[in-house]
Each structure stands twice: as structure tokens, then as C-alpha cells.
């Protein structure tokens, strides 16, 4: 019961913080002049990238952690063959860990797997 209350408080505080950031972004962008509209769109892209990263980054970290463990096992199974283990390591640990506005605009590809 106590854990549930603590978790409930944590979720409430996190949601309130995200809502406050969203409201500040909207309020700061609302009185923008025509020449400042670019700033508003950049702020929105930044907020969108941060929201996407909240979902994407934990998934990537779990995948990379599994890849790290797997590449270690491959190193042991192949009696120290670093070329094979390095390939597994590079494919699983490499790549992007956060989403940026460039990814959302299509100027840069998002790499889940290493290259």
C-alpha cells in the first residue's frame, strides 16, 4: 500500500512537471511576433523530441544492455574472438539514444541499431 502511494505521488509530480513545461512553452510562444514564429516552432519541436525521448531512450537502454551482455557471452563462447564480439557489441550498443528535433524534421535518420 505504501509503495502504491509513493508511486502515485511520483506519477502526479511528474505529470504536473510535464504539464508546467508544456504550459510555459505555449505561454512563451503565444505572444510571439511574426518574425519570432520560428522560435515557437523550434520550441514545439524540442518539446516533441523530449517527449519522444522519454519513450525511446529507456527502450534503447534495455536493448543496449542486453547487447552488452550478449557480446560478453559471445566473447567467452568464441574464446576471446574480439572481431565477432565487437560486431555484436557495435550493432547493439551503437546508434542514437535520444530523439532530436533534427530526427523529427527528417534532416537526420534515427538509428536504433549501430552502424
C-alpha atoms as a PDB file:
ATOM      1  CA  UNK A   1       0.000   0.000   0.000  1.00  0.00           C
ATOM      2  CA  UNK A   2       2.815   2.387   0.909  1.00  0.00           C
ATOM      3  CA  UNK A   3       4.624   1.672  -2.367  1.00  0.00           C
ATOM      4  CA  UNK A   4       1.451   2.406  -4.301  1.00  0.00           C
ATOM      5  CA  UNK A   5       1.057   5.782  -2.553  1.00  0.00           C
ATOM      6  CA  UNK A   6       4.682   6.689  -3.236  1.00  0.00           C
ATOM      7  CA  UNK A   7       4.337   5.664  -6.880  1.00  0.00           C
ATOM      8  CA  UNK A   8       1.101   7.631  -7.151  1.00  0.00           C
ATOM      9  CA  UNK A   9       2.811  10.759  -5.764  1.00  0.00           C
ATOM     10  CA  UNK A  10       5.744  10.301  -8.151  1.00  0.00           C
ATOM     11  CA  UNK A  11       3.437   9.986 -11.177  1.00  0.00           C
ATOM     12  CA  UNK A  12       1.438  13.028 -10.064  1.00  0.00           C
ATOM     13  CA  UNK A  13       4.541  15.179  -9.585  1.00  0.00           C
ATOM     14  CA  UNK A  14       5.991  14.044 -12.928  1.00  0.00           C
ATOM     15  CA  UNK A  15       2.731  14.748 -14.751  1.00  0.00           C
ATOM     16  CA  UNK A  16       2.458  18.158 -13.111  1.00  0.00           C
ATOM     17  CA  UNK A  17       6.031  18.994 -14.098  1.00  0.00           C
ATOM     18  CA  UNK A  18       5.455  17.978 -17.719  1.00  0.00           C
ATOM     19  CA  UNK A  19       2.223  19.957 -17.798  1.00  0.00           C
ATOM     20  CA  UNK A  20       4.023  23.013 -16.408  1.00  0.00           C
ATOM     21  CA  UNK A  21       6.726  22.771 -19.077  1.00  0.00           C
ATOM     22  CA  UNK A  22       4.090  22.418 -21.786  1.00  0.00           C
ATOM     23  CA  UNK A  23       2.141  25.408 -20.465  1.00  0.00           C
ATOM     24  CA  UNK A  24       5.291  27.544 -20.261  1.00  0.00           C
ATOM     25  CA  UNK A  25       6.153  26.652 -23.836  1.00  0.00           C
ATOM     26  CA  UNK A  26       2.696  27.630 -25.035  1.00  0.00           C
ATOM     27  CA  UNK A  27       2.604  30.825 -22.974  1.00  0.00           C
ATOM     28  CA  UNK A  28       6.038  31.946 -24.095  1.00  0.00           C
ATOM     29  CA  UNK A  29       5.288  31.156 -27.730  1.00  0.00           C
ATOM     30  CA  UNK A  30       1.807  32.735 -27.779  1.00  0.00           C
ATOM     31  CA  UNK A  31       2.805  36.441 -27.750  1.00  0.00           C
ATOM     32  CA  UNK A  32       5.496  35.887 -30.375  1.00  0.00           C
ATOM     33  CA  UNK A  33       5.706  38.334 -33.245  1.00  0.00           C
ATOM     34  CA  UNK A  34       5.535  37.150 -36.851  1.00  0.00           C
ATOM     35  CA  UNK A  35       9.325  37.222 -37.010  1.00  0.00           C
ATOM     36  CA  UNK A  36       9.566  35.083 -33.866  1.00  0.00           C
ATOM     37  CA  UNK A  37       7.289  32.281 -35.054  1.00  0.00           C
ATOM     38  CA  UNK A  38      10.349  30.243 -35.885  1.00  0.00           C
ATOM     39  CA  UNK A  39      11.212  30.271 -32.178  1.00  0.00           C
ATOM     40  CA  UNK A  40       7.765  28.881 -31.345  1.00  0.00           C
ATOM     41  CA  UNK A  41       8.084  26.061 -33.856  1.00  0.00           C
ATOM     42  CA  UNK A  42      11.565  25.232 -32.585  1.00  0.00           C
ATOM     43  CA  UNK A  43      10.249  25.104 -29.031  1.00  0.00           C
ATOM     44  CA  UNK A  44       7.462  22.792 -30.079  1.00  0.00           C
ATOM     45  CA  UNK A  45       9.914  20.536 -31.901  1.00  0.00           C
ATOM     46  CA  UNK A  46      12.149  20.479 -28.844  1.00  0.00           C
ATOM     47  CA  UNK A  47       9.247  19.556 -26.605  1.00  0.00           C
ATOM     48  CA  UNK A  48       8.165  16.845 -29.035  1.00  0.00           C
ATOM     49  CA  UNK A  49      11.698  15.465 -29.194  1.00  0.00           C
ATOM     50  CA  UNK A  50      11.890  15.374 -25.394  1.00  0.00           C
ATOM     51  CA  UNK A  51       8.545  13.554 -25.182  1.00  0.00           C
ATOM     52  CA  UNK A  52       9.655  11.016 -27.796  1.00  0.00           C
ATOM     53  CA  UNK A  53      12.941  10.509 -25.966  1.00  0.00           C
ATOM     54  CA  UNK A  54      11.068   9.679 -22.755  1.00  0.00           C
ATOM     55  CA  UNK A  55       9.695   6.608 -24.531  1.00  0.00           C
ATOM     56  CA  UNK A  56      12.579   5.828 -26.899  1.00  0.00           C
ATOM     57  CA  UNK A  57      15.580   6.155 -24.559  1.00  0.00           C
ATOM     58  CA  UNK A  58      14.508   3.516 -21.994  1.00  0.00           C
ATOM     59  CA  UNK A  59      13.790   1.027 -24.793  1.00  0.00           C
ATOM     60  CA  UNK A  60      17.186   1.706 -26.354  1.00  0.00           C
ATOM     61  CA  UNK A  61      18.930   1.354 -22.975  1.00  0.00           C
ATOM     62  CA  UNK A  62      17.288  -2.022 -22.342  1.00  0.00           C
ATOM     63  CA  UNK A  63      18.268  -3.193 -25.826  1.00  0.00           C
ATOM     64  CA  UNK A  64      21.851  -1.928 -25.429  1.00  0.00           C
ATOM     65  CA  UNK A  65      22.180  -3.560 -22.011  1.00  0.00           C
ATOM     66  CA  UNK A  66      21.066  -6.877 -23.489  1.00  0.00           C
ATOM     67  CA  UNK A  67      23.539  -6.407 -26.335  1.00  0.00           C
ATOM     68  CA  UNK A  68      26.342  -5.715 -23.901  1.00  0.00           C
ATOM     69  CA  UNK A  69      25.558  -8.921 -22.018  1.00  0.00           C
ATOM     70  CA  UNK A  70      25.248 -10.890 -25.264  1.00  0.00           C
ATOM     71  CA  UNK A  71      28.536  -9.568 -26.658  1.00  0.00           C
ATOM     72  CA  UNK A  72      30.246 -10.558 -23.410  1.00  0.00           C
ATOM     73  CA  UNK A  73      28.842 -14.079 -23.731  1.00  0.00           C
ATOM     74  CA  UNK A  74      29.931 -14.222 -27.388  1.00  0.00           C
ATOM     75  CA  UNK A  75      33.432 -13.205 -26.329  1.00  0.00           C
ATOM     76  CA  UNK A  76      33.515 -16.107 -23.872  1.00  0.00           C
ATOM     77  CA  UNK A  77      31.904 -18.608 -26.289  1.00  0.00           C
ATOM     78  CA  UNK A  78      34.363 -17.767 -29.069  1.00  0.00           C
ATOM     79  CA  UNK A  79      37.358 -17.982 -26.722  1.00  0.00           C
ATOM     80  CA  UNK A  80      38.210 -14.292 -26.980  1.00  0.00           C
ATOM     81  CA  UNK A  81      37.434 -13.597 -30.645  1.00  0.00           C
ATOM     82  CA  UNK A  82      37.067  -9.839 -30.415  1.00  0.00           C
ATOM     83  CA  UNK A  83      36.016  -9.441 -34.042  1.00  0.00           C
ATOM     84  CA  UNK A  84      32.796 -11.422 -33.568  1.00  0.00           C
ATOM     85  CA  UNK A  85      32.055  -9.980 -30.127  1.00  0.00           C
ATOM     86  CA  UNK A  86      32.859  -6.480 -31.401  1.00  0.00           C
ATOM     87  CA  UNK A  87      30.350  -6.839 -34.234  1.00  0.00           C
ATOM     88  CA  UNK A  88      27.593  -7.835 -31.799  1.00  0.00           C
ATOM     89  CA  UNK A  89      28.612  -5.014 -29.468  1.00  0.00           C
ATOM     90  CA  UNK A  90      28.651  -2.359 -32.228  1.00  0.00           C
ATOM     91  CA  UNK A  91      25.253  -3.401 -33.596  1.00  0.00           C
ATOM     92  CA  UNK A  92      23.501  -3.386 -30.235  1.00  0.00           C
ATOM     93  CA  UNK A  93      25.215  -0.594 -28.295  1.00  0.00           C
ATOM     94  CA  UNK A  94      25.712   1.782 -31.219  1.00  0.00           C
ATOM     95  CA  UNK A  95      23.034   4.102 -32.546  1.00  0.00           C
ATOM     96  CA  UNK A  96      21.110   7.046 -31.170  1.00  0.00           C
ATOM     97  CA  UNK A  97      19.919   7.163 -27.570  1.00  0.00           C
ATOM     98  CA  UNK A  98      17.764  10.307 -27.755  1.00  0.00           C
ATOM     99  CA  UNK A  99      15.408  11.803 -30.314  1.00  0.00           C
ATOM    100  CA  UNK A 100      16.383  15.287 -31.503  1.00  0.00           C
ATOM    101  CA  UNK A 101      14.412  17.911 -33.439  1.00  0.00           C
ATOM    102  CA  UNK A 102      16.531  17.015 -36.489  1.00  0.00           C
ATOM    103  CA  UNK A 103      15.114  13.497 -36.319  1.00  0.00           C
ATOM    104  CA  UNK A 104      11.553  14.805 -36.166  1.00  0.00           C
ATOM    105  CA  UNK A 105      12.088  17.120 -39.126  1.00  0.00           C
ATOM    106  CA  UNK A 106      13.639  14.336 -41.187  1.00  0.00           C
ATOM    107  CA  UNK A 107      17.027  16.037 -41.514  1.00  0.00           C
ATOM    108  CA  UNK A 108      18.699  13.145 -39.740  1.00  0.00           C
ATOM    109  CA  UNK A 109      17.835   9.449 -39.564  1.00  0.00           C
ATOM    110  CA  UNK A 110      17.199   7.849 -36.191  1.00  0.00           C
ATOM    111  CA  UNK A 111      19.463   4.822 -35.794  1.00  0.00           C
ATOM    112  CA  UNK A 112      18.206   2.240 -33.310  1.00  0.00           C
ATOM    113  CA  UNK A 113      20.867  -0.245 -34.361  1.00  0.00           C
ATOM    114  CA  UNK A 114      24.547   0.588 -34.632  1.00  0.00           C
ATOM    115  CA  UNK A 115      26.090   1.314 -37.983  1.00  0.00           C
END
